[in-house]
């Protein structure tokens, strides 16, 4: 019992860390970037305020808007550069040589790409499946349909949706739900939190009638 408790505590704690760590890293990275850009263009913001004394009381707001504008412009220019053949080659070389070796970089990149909808996905739709043929339901993504009526689904393991299990099930055990792949993926990232929409859209035919008392 003690070993099971320790294992449960450890896996649950690690799951929470994996869920929250990418968000914390992104926040810290943006905060660092905001500080670097703010310090770099401080002479510009000071010049604007000195040139227009009437705006002195809005010093902080003006500085913030300028910094945000510079960051957005910088991201746009960087994205424009990466779209070129030379830029893509340099980025790929830098990523393979340095970034990919950083702990957690791959997971963070995949998480961000999924959240922003930038990563191509082979998943056609979301479904709740009865793998064991009983009342147990699992969140799955339909990846293929076959002429004999079988359906191939991928069931991810939360909070890391890049690993999971592939099942080939009869159609009767696969219940598609009108939920976007992105919304379902977010529930996987959060270890099932936010699954209300999945359950509320569950087809009535999968619900077992309550027995009379």
C-alpha atoms as a PDB file:
ATOM      1  CA  UNK A   1       0.000   0.000   0.000  1.00  0.00           C
ATOM      2  CA  UNK A   2       2.839   2.380   0.884  1.00  0.00           C
ATOM      3  CA  UNK A   3       4.607   1.664  -2.406  1.00  0.00           C
ATOM      4  CA  UNK A   4       1.392   2.291  -4.356  1.00  0.00           C
ATOM      5  CA  UNK A   5       0.849   5.561  -2.512  1.00  0.00           C
ATOM      6  CA  UNK A   6       4.402   6.716  -3.282  1.00  0.00           C
ATOM      7  CA  UNK A   7       4.044   5.722  -6.922  1.00  0.00           C
ATOM      8  CA  UNK A   8       0.688   7.509  -7.218  1.00  0.00           C
ATOM      9  CA  UNK A   9       2.088  10.641  -5.581  1.00  0.00           C
ATOM     10  CA  UNK A  10       5.194  10.659  -7.761  1.00  0.00           C
ATOM     11  CA  UNK A  11       3.386  10.084 -11.065  1.00  0.00           C
ATOM     12  CA  UNK A  12       0.688  12.632 -10.202  1.00  0.00           C
ATOM     13  CA  UNK A  13       3.280  15.230  -9.209  1.00  0.00           C
ATOM     14  CA  UNK A  14       5.291  14.643 -12.381  1.00  0.00           C
ATOM     15  CA  UNK A  15       2.104  14.885 -14.451  1.00  0.00           C
ATOM     16  CA  UNK A  16       1.292  18.256 -12.906  1.00  0.00           C
ATOM     17  CA  UNK A  17       4.830  19.493 -13.486  1.00  0.00           C
ATOM     18  CA  UNK A  18       4.721  18.424 -17.136  1.00  0.00           C
ATOM     19  CA  UNK A  19       1.439  20.270 -17.622  1.00  0.00           C
ATOM     20  CA  UNK A  20       2.465  23.540 -15.973  1.00  0.00           C
ATOM     21  CA  UNK A  21       6.170  23.648 -16.854  1.00  0.00           C
ATOM     22  CA  UNK A  22       5.745  24.652 -20.536  1.00  0.00           C
ATOM     23  CA  UNK A  23       3.428  27.514 -19.543  1.00  0.00           C
ATOM     24  CA  UNK A  24       5.857  28.753 -16.883  1.00  0.00           C
ATOM     25  CA  UNK A  25       8.774  28.577 -19.296  1.00  0.00           C
ATOM     26  CA  UNK A  26       6.847  30.524 -21.926  1.00  0.00           C
ATOM     27  CA  UNK A  27       5.886  33.193 -19.389  1.00  0.00           C
ATOM     28  CA  UNK A  28       9.449  33.511 -18.117  1.00  0.00           C
ATOM     29  CA  UNK A  29      10.812  33.604 -21.660  1.00  0.00           C
ATOM     30  CA  UNK A  30       8.393  36.377 -22.635  1.00  0.00           C
ATOM     31  CA  UNK A  31       9.214  38.290 -19.462  1.00  0.00           C
ATOM     32  CA  UNK A  32      12.920  38.013 -20.217  1.00  0.00           C
ATOM     33  CA  UNK A  33      12.355  39.074 -23.837  1.00  0.00           C
ATOM     34  CA  UNK A  34      10.208  41.994 -22.701  1.00  0.00           C
ATOM     35  CA  UNK A  35      12.976  43.150 -20.357  1.00  0.00           C
ATOM     36  CA  UNK A  36      15.705  42.827 -22.987  1.00  0.00           C
ATOM     37  CA  UNK A  37      13.739  44.731 -25.629  1.00  0.00           C
ATOM     38  CA  UNK A  38      12.595  47.330 -23.092  1.00  0.00           C
ATOM     39  CA  UNK A  39      16.172  48.057 -22.003  1.00  0.00           C
ATOM     40  CA  UNK A  40      17.376  48.143 -25.595  1.00  0.00           C
ATOM     41  CA  UNK A  41      14.825  50.732 -26.747  1.00  0.00           C
ATOM     42  CA  UNK A  42      14.755  52.755 -23.526  1.00  0.00           C
ATOM     43  CA  UNK A  43      16.443  55.740 -25.260  1.00  0.00           C
ATOM     44  CA  UNK A  44      13.638  55.705 -27.836  1.00  0.00           C
ATOM     45  CA  UNK A  45      10.856  55.715 -25.244  1.00  0.00           C
ATOM     46  CA  UNK A  46      12.653  58.447 -23.297  1.00  0.00           C
ATOM     47  CA  UNK A  47      12.987  60.491 -26.492  1.00  0.00           C
ATOM     48  CA  UNK A  48       9.255  60.179 -27.182  1.00  0.00           C
ATOM     49  CA  UNK A  49       8.348  61.287 -23.676  1.00  0.00           C
ATOM     50  CA  UNK A  50      10.836  64.196 -23.721  1.00  0.00           C
ATOM     51  CA  UNK A  51       9.631  65.332 -27.123  1.00  0.00           C
ATOM     52  CA  UNK A  52       6.009  65.274 -26.034  1.00  0.00           C
ATOM     53  CA  UNK A  53       5.924  66.467 -22.387  1.00  0.00           C
ATOM     54  CA  UNK A  54       2.137  66.177 -22.347  1.00  0.00           C
ATOM     55  CA  UNK A  55       2.563  62.398 -22.525  1.00  0.00           C
ATOM     56  CA  UNK A  56       4.930  62.221 -19.562  1.00  0.00           C
ATOM     57  CA  UNK A  57       2.232  60.869 -17.248  1.00  0.00           C
ATOM     58  CA  UNK A  58       1.698  57.994 -19.666  1.00  0.00           C
ATOM     59  CA  UNK A  59       5.391  57.119 -19.701  1.00  0.00           C
ATOM     60  CA  UNK A  60       4.963  53.506 -18.611  1.00  0.00           C
ATOM     61  CA  UNK A  61       2.050  52.837 -20.955  1.00  0.00           C
ATOM     62  CA  UNK A  62       3.881  54.332 -23.927  1.00  0.00           C
ATOM     63  CA  UNK A  63       6.983  52.309 -23.152  1.00  0.00           C
ATOM     64  CA  UNK A  64       4.922  49.115 -22.881  1.00  0.00           C
ATOM     65  CA  UNK A  65       3.159  49.732 -26.197  1.00  0.00           C
ATOM     66  CA  UNK A  66       6.440  50.435 -27.944  1.00  0.00           C
ATOM     67  CA  UNK A  67       8.081  47.318 -26.515  1.00  0.00           C
ATOM     68  CA  UNK A  68       5.123  45.145 -27.520  1.00  0.00           C
ATOM     69  CA  UNK A  69       5.154  46.651 -31.007  1.00  0.00           C
ATOM     70  CA  UNK A  70       8.862  45.920 -31.357  1.00  0.00           C
ATOM     71  CA  UNK A  71       8.384  42.332 -30.167  1.00  0.00           C
ATOM     72  CA  UNK A  72       5.504  41.738 -32.592  1.00  0.00           C
ATOM     73  CA  UNK A  73       7.480  43.294 -35.447  1.00  0.00           C
ATOM     74  CA  UNK A  74      10.537  41.229 -34.509  1.00  0.00           C
ATOM     75  CA  UNK A  75       8.498  38.005 -34.486  1.00  0.00           C
ATOM     76  CA  UNK A  76       7.005  38.890 -37.854  1.00  0.00           C
ATOM     77  CA  UNK A  77      10.393  39.634 -39.403  1.00  0.00           C
ATOM     78  CA  UNK A  78      11.873  36.467 -37.916  1.00  0.00           C
ATOM     79  CA  UNK A  79       8.968  34.417 -39.267  1.00  0.00           C
ATOM     80  CA  UNK A  80       9.418  36.085 -42.643  1.00  0.00           C
ATOM     81  CA  UNK A  81      13.120  35.237 -42.593  1.00  0.00           C
ATOM     82  CA  UNK A  82      12.491  31.590 -41.671  1.00  0.00           C
ATOM     83  CA  UNK A  83      10.122  31.279 -44.650  1.00  0.00           C
ATOM     84  CA  UNK A  84      13.083  31.836 -46.971  1.00  0.00           C
ATOM     85  CA  UNK A  85      15.327  28.947 -47.981  1.00  0.00           C
ATOM     86  CA  UNK A  86      18.372  30.478 -46.310  1.00  0.00           C
ATOM     87  CA  UNK A  87      16.466  31.294 -43.133  1.00  0.00           C
ATOM     88  CA  UNK A  88      14.990  27.811 -42.878  1.00  0.00           C
ATOM     89  CA  UNK A  89      18.407  26.253 -43.385  1.00  0.00           C
ATOM     90  CA  UNK A  90      19.999  28.412 -40.677  1.00  0.00           C
ATOM     91  CA  UNK A  91      17.135  27.795 -38.256  1.00  0.00           C
ATOM     92  CA  UNK A  92      17.246  24.035 -38.827  1.00  0.00           C
ATOM     93  CA  UNK A  93      20.995  23.971 -38.267  1.00  0.00           C
ATOM     94  CA  UNK A  94      20.682  26.016 -35.053  1.00  0.00           C
ATOM     95  CA  UNK A  95      17.820  23.878 -33.776  1.00  0.00           C
ATOM     96  CA  UNK A  96      19.571  20.579 -34.475  1.00  0.00           C
ATOM     97  CA  UNK A  97      22.880  21.754 -33.045  1.00  0.00           C
ATOM     98  CA  UNK A  98      21.701  23.546 -29.893  1.00  0.00           C
ATOM     99  CA  UNK A  99      17.972  23.778 -29.173  1.00  0.00           C
ATOM    100  CA  UNK A 100      17.146  20.082 -29.638  1.00  0.00           C
ATOM    101  CA  UNK A 101      19.772  19.205 -27.019  1.00  0.00           C
ATOM    102  CA  UNK A 102      18.101  21.348 -24.344  1.00  0.00           C
ATOM    103  CA  UNK A 103      16.047  19.289 -21.863  1.00  0.00           C
ATOM    104  CA  UNK A 104      12.316  19.552 -22.544  1.00  0.00           C
ATOM    105  CA  UNK A 105      12.687  21.608 -25.730  1.00  0.00           C
ATOM    106  CA  UNK A 106      10.995  19.043 -27.963  1.00  0.00           C
ATOM    107  CA  UNK A 107       8.039  18.671 -25.618  1.00  0.00           C
ATOM    108  CA  UNK A 108       7.622  22.441 -25.278  1.00  0.00           C
ATOM    109  CA  UNK A 109       7.792  22.933 -29.032  1.00  0.00           C
ATOM    110  CA  UNK A 110       5.217  20.211 -29.697  1.00  0.00           C
ATOM    111  CA  UNK A 111       2.941  21.597 -26.992  1.00  0.00           C
ATOM    112  CA  UNK A 112       3.083  25.126 -28.402  1.00  0.00           C
ATOM    113  CA  UNK A 113       2.537  23.895 -31.960  1.00  0.00           C
ATOM    114  CA  UNK A 114      -0.502  21.873 -30.918  1.00  0.00           C
ATOM    115  CA  UNK A 115      -1.998  24.738 -28.916  1.00  0.00           C
ATOM    116  CA  UNK A 116      -1.502  27.169 -31.786  1.00  0.00           C
ATOM    117  CA  UNK A 117      -2.797  24.668 -34.323  1.00  0.00           C
ATOM    118  CA  UNK A 118       0.414  24.873 -36.330  1.00  0.00           C
ATOM    119  CA  UNK A 119       1.361  21.196 -36.194  1.00  0.00           C
ATOM    120  CA  UNK A 120      -0.208  18.948 -38.808  1.00  0.00           C
ATOM    121  CA  UNK A 121      -2.255  16.175 -37.269  1.00  0.00           C
ATOM    122  CA  UNK A 122      -3.376  12.865 -38.775  1.00  0.00           C
ATOM    123  CA  UNK A 123      -6.451  12.886 -36.542  1.00  0.00           C
ATOM    124  CA  UNK A 124      -9.670  13.309 -38.488  1.00  0.00           C
ATOM    125  CA  UNK A 125     -12.083  13.542 -35.560  1.00  0.00           C
ATOM    126  CA  UNK A 126     -12.570  12.937 -31.851  1.00  0.00           C
ATOM    127  CA  UNK A 127     -14.397   9.980 -30.371  1.00  0.00           C
ATOM    128  CA  UNK A 128     -15.129   8.246 -27.107  1.00  0.00           C
ATOM    129  CA  UNK A 129     -14.398   4.552 -27.472  1.00  0.00           C
ATOM    130  CA  UNK A 130     -15.321   1.438 -25.538  1.00  0.00           C
ATOM    131  CA  UNK A 131     -12.078  -0.490 -25.796  1.00  0.00           C
ATOM    132  CA  UNK A 132     -13.176  -3.173 -23.360  1.00  0.00           C
ATOM    133  CA  UNK A 133     -16.767  -3.393 -24.567  1.00  0.00           C
ATOM    134  CA  UNK A 134     -18.152  -2.191 -21.235  1.00  0.00           C
ATOM    135  CA  UNK A 135     -19.039   1.214 -19.740  1.00  0.00           C
ATOM    136  CA  UNK A 136     -15.398   2.338 -19.667  1.00  0.00           C
ATOM    137  CA  UNK A 137     -14.854   5.176 -22.169  1.00  0.00           C
ATOM    138  CA  UNK A 138     -11.566   6.559 -23.462  1.00  0.00           C
ATOM    139  CA  UNK A 139     -10.793   9.751 -25.337  1.00  0.00           C
ATOM    140  CA  UNK A 140      -9.529   8.796 -28.773  1.00  0.00           C
ATOM    141  CA  UNK A 141      -8.745  10.254 -32.171  1.00  0.00           C
ATOM    142  CA  UNK A 142     -10.000   8.506 -35.286  1.00  0.00           C
ATOM    143  CA  UNK A 143      -7.080   7.941 -37.650  1.00  0.00           C
ATOM    144  CA  UNK A 144      -8.561   5.587 -40.250  1.00  0.00           C
ATOM    145  CA  UNK A 145     -11.750   3.848 -41.345  1.00  0.00           C
ATOM    146  CA  UNK A 146     -11.838   0.521 -43.148  1.00  0.00           C
ATOM    147  CA  UNK A 147     -14.144  -1.100 -45.705  1.00  0.00           C
ATOM    148  CA  UNK A 148     -15.018  -3.947 -43.337  1.00  0.00           C
ATOM    149  CA  UNK A 149     -16.472  -1.521 -40.783  1.00  0.00           C
ATOM    150  CA  UNK A 150     -13.457  -1.457 -38.483  1.00  0.00           C
ATOM    151  CA  UNK A 151     -12.164   1.883 -37.201  1.00  0.00           C
ATOM    152  CA  UNK A 152      -8.574   2.603 -36.218  1.00  0.00           C
ATOM    153  CA  UNK A 153      -8.163   5.007 -33.313  1.00  0.00           C
ATOM    154  CA  UNK A 154      -5.253   6.475 -31.416  1.00  0.00           C
ATOM    155  CA  UNK A 155      -5.618   6.834 -27.648  1.00  0.00           C
ATOM    156  CA  UNK A 156      -3.001   9.268 -26.268  1.00  0.00           C
ATOM    157  CA  UNK A 157      -1.522   9.097 -22.805  1.00  0.00           C
ATOM    158  CA  UNK A 158      -1.912  12.328 -20.824  1.00  0.00           C
ATOM    159  CA  UNK A 159      -0.318  14.722 -20.419  1.00  0.00           C
ATOM    160  CA  UNK A 160       1.970  13.756 -23.321  1.00  0.00           C
ATOM    161  CA  UNK A 161      -0.193  13.126 -26.416  1.00  0.00           C
ATOM    162  CA  UNK A 162       2.798  12.100 -28.554  1.00  0.00           C
ATOM    163  CA  UNK A 163       2.675   8.618 -27.021  1.00  0.00           C
ATOM    164  CA  UNK A 164      -0.285   6.303 -26.724  1.00  0.00           C
ATOM    165  CA  UNK A 165      -1.929   3.171 -28.070  1.00  0.00           C
ATOM    166  CA  UNK A 166      -3.458   2.179 -31.407  1.00  0.00           C
ATOM    167  CA  UNK A 167      -6.669   0.143 -31.401  1.00  0.00           C
ATOM    168  CA  UNK A 168      -8.717  -1.364 -34.213  1.00  0.00           C
ATOM    169  CA  UNK A 169     -12.345  -1.493 -33.101  1.00  0.00           C
ATOM    170  CA  UNK A 170     -15.757  -2.314 -34.476  1.00  0.00           C
ATOM    171  CA  UNK A 171     -17.801   0.759 -35.362  1.00  0.00           C
ATOM    172  CA  UNK A 172     -20.280   0.017 -32.578  1.00  0.00           C
ATOM    173  CA  UNK A 173     -17.605   0.745 -29.979  1.00  0.00           C
ATOM    174  CA  UNK A 174     -16.547   4.065 -31.505  1.00  0.00           C
ATOM    175  CA  UNK A 175     -18.726   7.085 -30.699  1.00  0.00           C
ATOM    176  CA  UNK A 176     -17.674  10.294 -32.511  1.00  0.00           C
ATOM    177  CA  UNK A 177     -18.322  13.543 -30.646  1.00  0.00           C
ATOM    178  CA  UNK A 178     -18.636  17.029 -32.111  1.00  0.00           C
ATOM    179  CA  UNK A 179     -15.521  18.382 -30.409  1.00  0.00           C
ATOM    180  CA  UNK A 180     -12.562  19.875 -32.235  1.00  0.00           C
ATOM    181  CA  UNK A 181      -9.256  18.028 -32.198  1.00  0.00           C
ATOM    182  CA  UNK A 182      -7.667  21.071 -30.549  1.00  0.00           C
ATOM    183  CA  UNK A 183     -10.157  21.066 -27.647  1.00  0.00           C
ATOM    184  CA  UNK A 184      -9.723  17.344 -27.097  1.00  0.00           C
ATOM    185  CA  UNK A 185      -5.948  17.724 -27.228  1.00  0.00           C
ATOM    186  CA  UNK A 186      -6.106  20.404 -24.534  1.00  0.00           C
ATOM    187  CA  UNK A 187      -7.958  18.000 -22.254  1.00  0.00           C
ATOM    188  CA  UNK A 188      -5.220  15.441 -22.849  1.00  0.00           C
ATOM    189  CA  UNK A 189      -2.558  18.018 -21.962  1.00  0.00           C
ATOM    190  CA  UNK A 190      -4.388  18.722 -18.706  1.00  0.00           C
ATOM    191  CA  UNK A 191      -4.838  15.028 -17.828  1.00  0.00           C
ATOM    192  CA  UNK A 192      -8.585  15.061 -18.430  1.00  0.00           C
ATOM    193  CA  UNK A 193      -9.440  18.454 -16.982  1.00  0.00           C
ATOM    194  CA  UNK A 194     -11.953  20.272 -19.181  1.00  0.00           C
ATOM    195  CA  UNK A 195     -13.595  17.097 -20.513  1.00  0.00           C
ATOM    196  CA  UNK A 196     -17.113  18.383 -19.797  1.00  0.00           C
ATOM    197  CA  UNK A 197     -17.791  19.068 -23.469  1.00  0.00           C
ATOM    198  CA  UNK A 198     -16.716  15.556 -24.423  1.00  0.00           C
ATOM    199  CA  UNK A 199     -19.025  13.959 -21.882  1.00  0.00           C
ATOM    200  CA  UNK A 200     -21.973  16.290 -22.530  1.00  0.00           C
ATOM    201  CA  UNK A 201     -21.889  15.450 -26.255  1.00  0.00           C
ATOM    202  CA  UNK A 202     -21.699  11.711 -25.612  1.00  0.00           C
ATOM    203  CA  UNK A 203     -24.301   9.938 -27.776  1.00  0.00           C
ATOM    204  CA  UNK A 204     -27.282   8.678 -25.780  1.00  0.00           C
ATOM    205  CA  UNK A 205     -26.841   5.169 -27.116  1.00  0.00           C
ATOM    206  CA  UNK A 206     -23.692   4.755 -25.022  1.00  0.00           C
ATOM    207  CA  UNK A 207     -25.406   5.719 -21.792  1.00  0.00           C
ATOM    208  CA  UNK A 208     -26.549   2.805 -19.727  1.00  0.00           C
ATOM    209  CA  UNK A 209     -30.092   3.135 -18.267  1.00  0.00           C
ATOM    210  CA  UNK A 210     -30.240   3.419 -14.517  1.00  0.00           C
ATOM    211  CA  UNK A 211     -31.523   0.324 -12.798  1.00  0.00           C
ATOM    212  CA  UNK A 212     -34.715   0.633 -10.785  1.00  0.00           C
ATOM    213  CA  UNK A 213     -34.097   0.591  -7.086  1.00  0.00           C
END
